[in-house]
Amino acid sequence: MNTDVFFFSATGNSFWAAGRIAEALRGRLLPITGAEPVSDASRVIIVSPIYALGLPVPTADFIAELKTEAPVWVVLTYGGAVMGADRAAFDAVTAAGLECRGVFTLKMVETFTVFMNVPRSHVKKVCKKAPEKLDAIISAIREGTPTPPRRKKGGRADTPQMREAWQKMGARLHTDDSCTRCGKCARICPAGNITMGENGPVHGDKCIACLACYHRCPAHSVRFGRFKKKFRYFCPLTDEREMEKARG
């Protein structure tokens, strides 16, 4: 069975899961950002994080535009709570006129950490359990048994108001004087929201609050408002260079 595995990932959690799924099912690993939302495979799997009990902007846009005759599975990574996010994903796929065969959730490390730190012991514990849990998800997808979301309703729908909220949140991200002008933040921003100016990075008004720049700046120069010295993270189960290579 031909399989396409599409992923969106800012800090590596969903990329790791997508890569493991693609390897186990001998599928193609494809980025959501920059990829054509078209698949002629006989099975499509979308791997994405949960943002605020719903889908990130790139994932929501990709699902809405996806053209395929194949059944679709969604695997959602999360750090805090799922609540109705699995239902929101199911509804998004269905609203696009596609068959959603199943939605799975996978506990990973929390990445929205601008207000808090995450103990290293917690990171180690979560990453130790994740492979076994993901293998169970892979087995369920391989078997093809329909797996509907747990809730009959709920989750956050993608709305213009929510996108505006992301942009307002992104307006609080800025680069301090420790910046080395390496340009990595501009290179990795999935929204193309950061450009390099004469005095360093310039943050625009298209932020999707993925926090890729915040977590992956080599000098930890990206700050959120007045908060600083907070937890920075990239999934220790995978290689950042491999993710960038997969993104193209």
Protein backbone atom coordinates (compact mmCIF):
# COMPACT_ATOMS: atom_id res chain seq x y z
CA MET A 1 0.00 0.00 0.00
CA ASN A 2 1.44 3.37 -1.06
CA THR A 3 1.56 5.82 1.83
CA ASP A 4 2.18 9.56 2.02
CA VAL A 5 3.09 10.95 5.44
CA PHE A 6 2.80 14.73 5.64
CA PHE A 7 4.22 16.55 8.65
CA PHE A 8 4.29 19.98 10.24
CA SER A 9 6.86 20.44 12.97
CA ALA A 10 8.57 23.42 14.57
CA THR A 11 10.53 21.70 17.34
CA GLY A 12 10.90 18.13 16.08
CA ASN A 13 8.19 16.23 17.97
CA SER A 14 5.90 15.72 15.00
CA PHE A 15 8.81 15.27 12.59
CA TRP A 16 10.15 12.42 14.69
CA ALA A 17 6.73 10.76 14.80
CA ALA A 18 6.17 11.25 11.07
CA GLY A 19 9.58 9.84 10.21
CA ARG A 20 9.03 6.75 12.31
CA ILE A 21 5.60 6.22 10.72
CA ALA A 22 6.96 6.67 7.19
CA GLU A 23 9.79 4.21 7.85
CA ALA A 24 7.50 1.57 9.37
CA LEU A 25 4.91 1.84 6.59
CA ARG A 26 7.47 2.37 3.81
CA GLY A 27 5.88 5.66 2.94
CA ARG A 28 7.04 8.99 1.56
CA LEU A 29 7.86 11.66 4.15
CA LEU A 30 6.66 15.05 2.96
CA PRO A 31 6.49 18.51 4.57
CA ILE A 32 3.16 20.29 4.87
CA THR A 33 4.79 23.67 4.30
CA GLY A 34 5.93 24.06 0.73
CA ALA A 35 4.37 20.82 -0.51
CA GLU A 36 1.57 20.55 -3.02
CA PRO A 37 -1.61 19.50 -1.15
CA VAL A 38 -2.12 16.59 -3.51
CA SER A 39 -1.61 12.85 -3.02
CA ASP A 40 -2.17 9.88 -5.31
CA ALA A 41 -1.19 7.42 -2.56
CA SER A 42 -3.62 4.80 -1.30
CA ARG A 43 -3.17 5.99 2.31
CA VAL A 44 -2.50 9.50 3.65
CA ILE A 45 -1.26 10.29 7.13
CA ILE A 46 -1.02 13.82 8.53
CA VAL A 47 1.20 14.37 11.56
CA SER A 48 0.91 17.67 13.40
CA PRO A 49 1.16 19.21 16.85
CA ILE A 50 -1.86 20.50 18.74
CA TYR A 51 -1.93 24.26 19.22
CA ALA A 52 -4.40 25.62 21.77
CA LEU A 53 -6.72 22.60 21.48
CA GLY A 54 -6.80 22.83 17.70
CA LEU A 55 -4.62 22.74 14.59
CA PRO A 56 -1.71 25.02 13.64
CA VAL A 57 -2.41 27.37 10.75
CA PRO A 58 -0.25 25.45 8.21
CA THR A 59 -1.95 22.15 9.07
CA ALA A 60 -5.44 23.64 8.86
CA ASP A 61 -4.65 25.23 5.48
CA PHE A 62 -3.12 22.02 4.13
CA ILE A 63 -6.11 19.88 5.12
CA ALA A 64 -8.57 22.37 3.61
CA GLU A 65 -6.73 22.26 0.28
CA LEU A 66 -5.75 18.57 0.21
CA LYS A 67 -6.82 16.62 -2.87
CA THR A 68 -6.82 12.86 -2.48
CA GLU A 69 -9.06 9.86 -2.97
CA ALA A 70 -7.36 7.97 -0.14
CA PRO A 71 -8.50 7.59 3.46
CA VAL A 72 -6.78 9.99 5.84
CA TRP A 73 -5.37 9.34 9.29
CA VAL A 74 -4.29 12.15 11.60
CA VAL A 75 -1.66 11.80 14.34
CA LEU A 76 -1.52 14.69 16.79
CA THR A 77 1.38 15.28 19.15
CA TYR A 78 0.72 17.26 22.30
CA GLY A 79 2.41 18.36 25.48
CA GLY A 80 -0.41 19.72 27.61
CA ALA A 81 -3.94 18.48 26.97
CA VAL A 82 -5.88 17.07 24.03
CA MET A 83 -9.38 18.00 25.17
CA GLY A 84 -11.35 18.14 21.88
CA ALA A 85 -8.43 18.69 19.50
CA ASP A 86 -8.85 15.22 18.02
CA ARG A 87 -12.47 16.02 17.18
CA ALA A 88 -11.41 19.34 15.65
CA ALA A 89 -8.95 17.51 13.40
CA PHE A 90 -11.56 14.93 12.40
CA ASP A 91 -14.05 17.69 11.59
CA ALA A 92 -11.46 19.58 9.53
CA VAL A 93 -10.71 16.53 7.37
CA THR A 94 -14.40 15.76 6.94
CA ALA A 95 -15.20 19.38 6.07
CA ALA A 96 -12.61 19.13 3.27
CA GLY A 97 -14.67 16.32 1.74
CA LEU A 98 -12.17 13.63 2.70
CA GLU A 99 -12.60 10.35 4.53
CA CYS A 100 -11.04 10.57 7.99
CA ARG A 101 -10.32 6.96 8.93
CA GLY A 102 -8.84 7.76 12.32
CA VAL A 103 -7.31 10.29 14.71
CA PHE A 104 -4.60 9.40 17.21
CA THR A 105 -2.87 11.48 19.89
CA LEU A 106 0.68 11.06 21.12
CA LYS A 107 2.05 12.57 24.32
CA MET A 108 5.30 14.44 23.73
CA VAL A 109 7.13 17.31 25.46
CA GLU A 110 5.30 20.62 25.88
CA THR A 111 6.77 23.30 23.62
CA PHE A 112 4.73 26.41 24.47
CA THR A 113 7.11 27.23 27.29
CA VAL A 114 7.52 31.01 27.11
CA PHE A 115 6.03 31.24 30.60
CA MET A 116 7.59 28.17 32.17
CA ASN A 117 10.43 25.68 32.33
CA VAL A 118 10.14 21.93 31.74
CA PRO A 119 12.26 19.67 34.00
CA ARG A 120 14.81 17.56 32.17
CA SER A 121 13.52 14.54 34.04
CA HIS A 122 10.11 15.08 32.44
CA VAL A 123 11.64 15.35 28.96
CA LYS A 124 13.51 12.11 29.52
CA LYS A 125 10.42 10.32 30.84
CA VAL A 126 8.17 11.40 27.97
CA CYS A 127 10.73 10.57 25.29
CA LYS A 128 11.30 7.15 26.82
CA LYS A 129 7.60 6.24 26.61
CA ALA A 130 6.86 7.80 23.22
CA PRO A 131 8.33 5.10 20.91
CA GLU A 132 6.20 2.31 22.34
CA LYS A 133 3.06 4.44 22.17
CA LEU A 134 3.81 5.45 18.60
CA ASP A 135 4.39 1.84 17.59
CA ALA A 136 0.87 1.03 18.81
CA ILE A 137 -0.49 3.85 16.64
CA ILE A 138 1.44 2.53 13.64
CA SER A 139 -0.01 -0.94 14.17
CA ALA A 140 -3.54 0.47 14.27
CA ILE A 141 -2.98 2.39 11.04
CA ARG A 142 -1.50 -0.67 9.37
CA GLU A 143 -4.55 -2.72 10.33
CA GLY A 144 -6.82 -0.03 8.89
CA THR A 145 -9.44 -0.24 11.61
CA PRO A 146 -11.48 2.99 11.80
CA THR A 147 -10.51 4.94 14.92
CA PRO A 148 -12.83 7.91 15.47
CA PRO A 149 -11.98 10.70 17.92
CA ARG A 150 -12.96 10.15 21.53
CA ARG A 151 -15.25 13.17 21.75
CA LYS A 152 -18.40 13.73 19.72
CA LYS A 153 -17.74 17.46 19.60
CA GLY A 154 -15.30 20.04 20.83
CA GLY A 155 -11.86 21.35 20.03
CA ARG A 156 -10.92 24.67 18.52
CA ALA A 157 -12.04 25.46 15.01
CA ASP A 158 -9.71 27.45 12.78
CA THR A 159 -11.08 31.00 12.57
CA PRO A 160 -9.86 34.44 11.43
CA GLN A 161 -10.10 35.56 15.06
CA MET A 162 -7.74 32.80 16.16
CA ARG A 163 -5.27 33.64 13.42
CA GLU A 164 -5.35 37.25 14.56
CA ALA A 165 -4.64 36.07 18.09
CA TRP A 166 -1.57 34.17 16.85
CA GLN A 167 -0.33 37.32 15.13
CA LYS A 168 -0.80 39.40 18.27
CA MET A 169 1.07 36.79 20.24
CA GLY A 170 3.82 36.80 17.65
CA ALA A 171 4.15 40.56 18.00
CA ARG A 172 5.65 39.89 21.44
CA LEU A 173 8.50 37.88 19.95
CA HIS A 174 11.65 39.88 19.35
CA THR A 175 15.41 39.43 19.11
CA ASP A 176 17.68 40.92 21.77
CA ASP A 177 21.23 42.26 21.53
CA SER A 178 22.82 38.83 21.94
CA CYS A 179 21.83 37.99 18.35
CA THR A 180 24.79 36.85 16.21
CA ARG A 181 23.01 37.64 12.90
CA CYS A 182 23.33 34.01 11.77
CA GLY A 183 19.99 34.16 9.94
CA LYS A 184 18.74 30.81 11.20
CA CYS A 185 15.45 32.22 12.49
CA ALA A 186 14.59 33.58 9.04
CA ARG A 187 15.61 30.32 7.37
CA ILE A 188 13.50 28.05 9.56
CA CYS A 189 10.36 30.20 9.97
CA PRO A 190 7.57 28.18 8.31
CA ALA A 191 5.46 31.29 7.80
CA GLY A 192 8.19 33.35 6.16
CA ASN A 193 7.56 35.89 8.90
CA ILE A 194 11.18 36.71 9.68
CA THR A 195 13.56 38.53 7.36
CA MET A 196 17.11 39.71 7.88
CA GLY A 197 17.56 43.46 7.97
CA GLU A 198 20.62 45.65 8.40
CA ASN A 199 20.36 45.42 12.17
CA GLY A 200 19.37 41.76 12.38
CA PRO A 201 16.11 39.78 12.23
CA VAL A 202 12.87 41.61 11.53
CA HIS A 203 9.69 39.95 12.80
CA GLY A 204 6.67 40.61 10.57
CA ASP A 205 2.93 40.34 11.15
CA LYS A 206 2.32 36.79 9.84
CA CYS A 207 3.41 34.85 12.94
CA ILE A 208 1.68 31.52 13.55
CA ALA A 209 3.10 31.14 17.09
CA CYS A 210 5.00 27.93 16.32
CA LEU A 211 7.99 29.22 18.36
CA ALA A 212 10.55 27.63 16.03
CA CYS A 213 12.65 30.80 16.24
CA TYR A 214 12.32 30.94 20.02
CA HIS A 215 13.41 27.37 20.65
CA ARG A 216 16.01 26.93 17.94
CA CYS A 217 17.98 30.18 17.98
CA PRO A 218 21.61 29.07 18.67
CA ALA A 219 22.22 32.10 20.91
CA HIS A 220 18.79 31.98 22.63
CA SER A 221 18.35 35.56 21.49
CA VAL A 222 14.64 35.36 20.66
CA ARG A 223 12.52 36.49 23.58
CA PHE A 224 8.81 36.65 24.30
CA GLY A 225 7.93 39.99 25.83
CA ARG A 226 9.99 40.55 28.97
CA PHE A 227 10.37 36.85 29.74
CA LYS A 228 13.85 35.40 29.40
CA LYS A 229 15.99 32.42 30.38
CA LYS A 230 13.11 30.03 29.79
CA PHE A 231 13.16 26.45 28.53
CA ARG A 232 14.36 25.90 24.95
CA TYR A 233 13.64 22.60 23.25
CA PHE A 234 14.21 20.45 20.20
CA CYS A 235 13.10 16.81 20.24
CA PRO A 236 16.07 14.71 21.42
CA LEU A 237 14.77 11.69 19.51
CA THR A 238 15.62 13.23 16.15
CA ASP A 239 18.17 15.34 14.29
CA GLU A 240 17.38 18.98 13.48
CA ARG A 241 19.48 18.80 10.32
CA GLU A 242 17.41 15.88 9.08
CA MET A 243 14.22 17.84 9.65
CA GLU A 244 15.52 20.80 7.67
CA LYS A 245 16.60 18.45 4.88
CA ALA A 246 13.11 16.90 4.82
CA ARG A 247 11.52 20.36 4.65
CA GLY A 248 13.54 21.10 1.54
